[in-house]
Amino acid sequence: MKRTFSKPVLQNHAETTIDVVWSVCALSTGFVEISEREDLSGARKIPAIKGDHACQWGVGDCALHVHVDGLRPATRYWYRAATLAVDYPGAYMIQTDPPIYGDVHSFVTA
């Protein structure tokens, strides 16, 4: 089943950190790939740390949040968000769909 999600929104823009948040329409988790190269080669993969479900870090049915740190000041970065639908088919069973990748975007740190 195809899941949809919004374009990512950047928050808390600083010299060495930034937060990436995007909305989802179903129970999901995700991650951000970020690199100093437009083709995302050598990208860091950073998992969602906060969802809107109190019982699971990085799982939500409304929004996902990734905190990115260790960035260099005044540097352009390229990134994309990926979303994986989550299903709980039975007790203690968690399944995820393959990731659906968003478009590549860029920003410059402060």
Protein backbone atom coordinates (compact mmCIF):
# COMPACT_ATOMS: atom_id res chain seq x y z
CA MET A 1 0.00 0.00 0.00
CA LYS A 2 1.46 3.35 -1.02
CA ARG A 3 1.77 5.88 1.79
CA THR A 4 1.91 9.61 1.23
CA PHE A 5 3.83 12.24 3.14
CA SER A 6 4.52 15.96 2.95
CA LYS A 7 7.63 17.79 1.86
CA PRO A 8 10.06 18.18 4.75
CA VAL A 9 10.13 21.37 6.81
CA LEU A 10 13.39 22.66 8.33
CA GLN A 11 13.27 23.91 11.92
CA ASN A 12 15.74 25.23 14.51
CA HIS A 13 18.27 26.24 11.85
CA ALA A 14 21.68 26.85 13.47
CA GLU A 15 25.41 26.73 12.67
CA THR A 16 25.87 23.02 13.35
CA THR A 17 22.35 21.58 13.75
CA ILE A 18 18.96 21.52 12.09
CA ASP A 19 15.70 19.62 12.54
CA VAL A 20 13.77 18.04 9.68
CA VAL A 21 10.05 17.40 10.18
CA TRP A 22 7.48 15.98 7.77
CA SER A 23 3.90 14.80 8.03
CA VAL A 24 2.70 11.29 7.26
CA CYS A 25 -0.81 9.94 6.72
CA ALA A 26 -0.42 6.52 8.34
CA LEU A 27 1.64 4.85 11.05
CA SER A 28 5.23 5.27 9.81
CA THR A 29 8.86 5.69 10.69
CA GLY A 30 11.60 7.26 8.63
CA PHE A 31 15.03 8.73 8.25
CA VAL A 32 16.94 11.54 6.56
CA GLU A 33 19.94 11.09 4.28
CA ILE A 34 22.23 14.14 4.30
CA SER A 35 25.44 14.92 2.43
CA GLU A 36 27.59 17.81 1.25
CA ARG A 37 27.18 16.38 -2.27
CA GLU A 38 24.10 16.89 -4.44
CA ASP A 39 24.09 13.22 -5.48
CA LEU A 40 24.01 12.29 -1.77
CA SER A 41 27.17 10.21 -2.10
CA GLY A 42 28.65 9.49 1.30
CA ALA A 43 25.34 10.48 2.94
CA ARG A 44 24.71 10.02 6.64
CA LYS A 45 21.48 8.17 7.39
CA ILE A 46 19.81 9.60 10.51
CA PRO A 47 16.71 7.85 11.90
CA ALA A 48 13.61 9.64 13.13
CA ILE A 49 13.90 10.29 16.85
CA LYS A 50 10.43 11.48 17.63
CA GLY A 51 6.99 10.59 16.41
CA ASP A 52 3.59 11.41 17.81
CA HIS A 53 3.15 7.97 19.43
CA ALA A 54 4.40 8.11 23.01
CA CYS A 55 5.04 4.35 23.04
CA GLN A 56 7.55 4.33 20.15
CA TRP A 57 10.47 6.65 19.42
CA GLY A 58 10.51 7.54 15.76
CA VAL A 59 7.03 6.22 14.96
CA GLY A 60 4.06 8.42 14.22
CA ASP A 61 0.85 8.66 12.25
CA CYS A 62 0.92 12.45 11.87
CA ALA A 63 4.54 13.64 11.85
CA LEU A 64 8.16 12.45 12.01
CA HIS A 65 11.16 14.39 13.34
CA VAL A 66 14.89 13.99 12.68
CA HIS A 67 17.52 16.01 14.56
CA VAL A 68 20.71 16.52 12.53
CA ASP A 69 23.89 17.57 14.33
CA GLY A 70 27.60 17.64 13.55
CA LEU A 71 27.16 20.02 10.62
CA ARG A 72 29.75 22.59 9.54
CA PRO A 73 28.85 26.31 9.68
CA ALA A 74 28.14 28.17 6.41
CA THR A 75 28.02 24.92 4.40
CA ARG A 76 25.49 23.75 1.81
CA TYR A 77 23.96 20.34 2.54
CA TRP A 78 21.72 18.17 0.39
CA TYR A 79 19.14 15.90 2.00
CA ARG A 80 16.02 13.82 1.46
CA ALA A 81 13.50 12.29 3.81
CA ALA A 82 12.42 8.67 3.55
CA THR A 83 9.25 7.18 5.01
CA LEU A 84 8.52 3.54 5.85
CA ALA A 85 4.98 2.43 6.67
CA VAL A 86 4.78 0.46 9.92
CA ASP A 87 2.41 -2.41 10.63
CA TYR A 88 1.84 -4.43 13.80
CA PRO A 89 0.33 -7.72 12.50
CA GLY A 90 0.52 -9.44 15.88
CA ALA A 91 1.86 -9.27 19.39
CA TYR A 92 5.53 -8.23 19.42
CA MET A 93 5.63 -8.22 15.60
CA ILE A 94 6.67 -5.05 13.80
CA GLN A 95 6.88 -4.89 10.01
CA THR A 96 7.94 -2.00 7.78
CA ASP A 97 7.44 -1.46 4.07
CA PRO A 98 10.42 -0.53 1.89
CA PRO A 99 11.29 3.19 2.14
CA ILE A 100 9.57 5.76 -0.05
CA TYR A 101 12.05 8.56 -0.78
CA GLY A 102 11.14 12.22 -1.12
CA ASP A 103 12.84 14.71 -3.42
CA VAL A 104 16.36 15.97 -2.76
CA HIS A 105 16.49 19.46 -1.19
CA SER A 106 19.32 21.68 0.03
CA PHE A 107 20.01 24.26 2.73
CA VAL A 108 22.98 26.27 3.98
CA THR A 109 23.85 26.22 7.67
CA ALA A 110 24.01 29.53 9.53
